[in-house]
Amino acid sequence: MFLFRNIALPRKREVRASLSKVYGISWHKANLIADRSGLKYPYYNTQLNKYKKYYLIFLLKKLIKIDTKIKRKINNNINRHLTILSYRGLRHKLCLTVRGQRTRTNSATQRKKRNLN
């Protein structure tokens, strides 16, 4: 098993698929990282040696904002909207949809969020 940011990447999966399990790395970013590190398509985590693992970790740290940085940025943006009392901030405060989603019939996700608060 290959650990990155306290996330265990499974051994029997392909590198690109296992990298996309990290918060903030999409399938497209995982492809770019694997290409830049020189891992050709069917390359599994079991085939990684220490050098390749450290090189992947180096690329992930340098090239991509992941996990805590993204979450901190999202929370800062929400708090900024709350402090300037914008419409989006008020929608966040009331646990309603923010980006124009339909709430008359399709509000199950927001109801779930409201129960958590």
Protein backbone atom coordinates (compact mmCIF):
# COMPACT_ATOMS: atom_id res chain seq x y z
CA MET A 1 0.00 0.00 0.00
CA PHE A 2 1.21 3.48 -0.89
CA LEU A 3 0.32 6.28 1.53
CA PHE A 4 -0.11 9.87 0.46
CA ARG A 5 -1.63 12.51 2.78
CA ASN A 6 -3.01 9.76 5.04
CA ILE A 7 -4.84 8.20 2.09
CA ALA A 8 -3.94 4.62 1.30
CA LEU A 9 -3.71 4.17 -2.44
CA PRO A 10 -4.67 0.57 -3.31
CA ARG A 11 -1.97 -1.73 -4.65
CA LYS A 12 -3.88 -3.52 -7.38
CA ARG A 13 -5.18 -0.37 -9.08
CA GLU A 14 -3.65 1.62 -11.85
CA VAL A 15 -1.68 4.69 -10.73
CA ARG A 16 -3.95 7.20 -12.47
CA ALA A 17 -7.10 5.72 -10.95
CA SER A 18 -5.63 5.60 -7.46
CA LEU A 19 -4.34 9.20 -7.67
CA SER A 20 -7.83 10.42 -8.49
CA LYS A 21 -8.97 9.20 -5.03
CA VAL A 22 -7.03 12.07 -3.40
CA TYR A 23 -9.22 15.11 -2.70
CA GLY A 24 -8.48 17.77 -5.31
CA ILE A 25 -7.07 15.51 -8.02
CA SER A 26 -9.39 14.84 -10.91
CA TRP A 27 -8.92 12.18 -13.58
CA HIS A 28 -7.43 14.79 -15.91
CA LYS A 29 -4.88 15.98 -13.33
CA ALA A 30 -3.98 12.39 -12.51
CA ASN A 31 -3.27 11.78 -16.20
CA LEU A 32 -1.05 14.89 -16.40
CA ILE A 33 0.92 13.86 -13.32
CA ALA A 34 1.42 10.31 -14.55
CA ASP A 35 2.53 11.54 -17.97
CA ARG A 36 4.96 14.04 -16.48
CA SER A 37 6.45 11.41 -14.18
CA GLY A 38 6.96 9.05 -17.12
CA LEU A 39 4.46 6.36 -16.14
CA LYS A 40 2.97 4.85 -19.25
CA TYR A 41 -0.62 3.71 -19.36
CA PRO A 42 -1.06 0.35 -17.67
CA TYR A 43 1.22 1.10 -14.72
CA TYR A 44 0.10 -0.30 -11.38
CA ASN A 45 1.07 0.72 -7.86
CA THR A 46 2.82 -2.62 -7.37
CA GLN A 47 5.31 -1.68 -10.11
CA LEU A 48 6.36 1.55 -8.38
CA ASN A 49 9.83 1.58 -6.89
CA LYS A 50 10.99 4.02 -4.19
CA TYR A 51 12.32 6.52 -6.72
CA LYS A 52 9.03 6.67 -8.64
CA LYS A 53 7.01 6.99 -5.41
CA TYR A 54 9.12 9.89 -4.16
CA TYR A 55 9.01 11.54 -7.58
CA LEU A 56 5.21 11.26 -7.64
CA ILE A 57 4.98 12.78 -4.16
CA PHE A 58 7.33 15.58 -5.21
CA LEU A 59 5.19 16.36 -8.27
CA LEU A 60 1.98 16.29 -6.24
CA LYS A 61 3.38 18.70 -3.66
CA LYS A 62 4.85 21.12 -6.21
CA LEU A 63 2.26 21.19 -8.98
CA ILE A 64 -1.15 20.78 -7.41
CA LYS A 65 -2.97 22.36 -4.52
CA ILE A 66 -4.60 19.49 -2.76
CA ASP A 67 -6.59 18.56 0.29
CA THR A 68 -6.20 21.12 3.07
CA LYS A 69 -5.23 24.01 0.80
CA ILE A 70 -8.36 23.59 -1.31
CA LYS A 71 -10.63 23.16 1.70
CA ARG A 72 -9.11 26.25 3.35
CA LYS A 73 -9.59 28.28 0.16
CA ILE A 74 -13.25 27.20 -0.12
CA ASN A 75 -13.93 28.06 3.53
CA ASN A 76 -12.22 31.44 3.16
CA ASN A 77 -14.37 32.25 0.13
CA ILE A 78 -17.57 31.30 1.96
CA ASN A 79 -16.56 33.38 4.99
CA ARG A 80 -15.77 36.34 2.73
CA HIS A 81 -19.26 36.14 1.22
CA LEU A 82 -20.74 35.97 4.73
CA THR A 83 -18.83 39.02 5.95
CA ILE A 84 -19.77 41.25 3.01
CA LEU A 85 -23.40 40.10 3.35
CA SER A 86 -23.74 39.12 -0.29
CA TYR A 87 -26.65 37.10 -1.61
CA ARG A 88 -24.47 34.02 -1.92
CA GLY A 89 -23.37 34.43 1.70
CA LEU A 90 -26.95 34.60 2.89
CA ARG A 91 -27.82 31.46 0.91
CA HIS A 92 -24.85 29.68 2.52
CA LYS A 93 -25.96 30.85 5.97
CA LEU A 94 -29.49 29.52 5.46
CA CYS A 95 -28.18 26.20 4.05
CA LEU A 96 -29.92 26.75 0.73
CA THR A 97 -28.67 26.17 -2.78
CA VAL A 98 -26.24 28.82 -3.93
CA ARG A 99 -25.78 28.38 -7.65
CA GLY A 100 -29.30 28.46 -8.97
CA GLN A 101 -30.32 24.85 -8.50
CA ARG A 102 -33.99 23.96 -8.37
CA THR A 103 -35.31 23.82 -4.82
CA ARG A 104 -39.00 23.24 -5.35
CA THR A 105 -38.72 19.54 -6.10
CA ASN A 106 -35.03 18.60 -6.08
CA SER A 107 -33.85 19.74 -2.66
CA ALA A 108 -32.93 16.41 -1.09
CA THR A 109 -29.22 17.25 -0.91
CA GLN A 110 -29.81 20.54 0.84
CA ARG A 111 -32.20 18.92 3.32
CA LYS A 112 -29.47 16.42 4.18
CA LYS A 113 -27.00 19.24 4.72
CA ARG A 114 -29.45 21.14 6.89
CA ASN A 115 -29.91 18.12 9.16
CA LEU A 116 -26.15 17.97 9.73
CA ASN A 117 -25.94 21.57 10.95
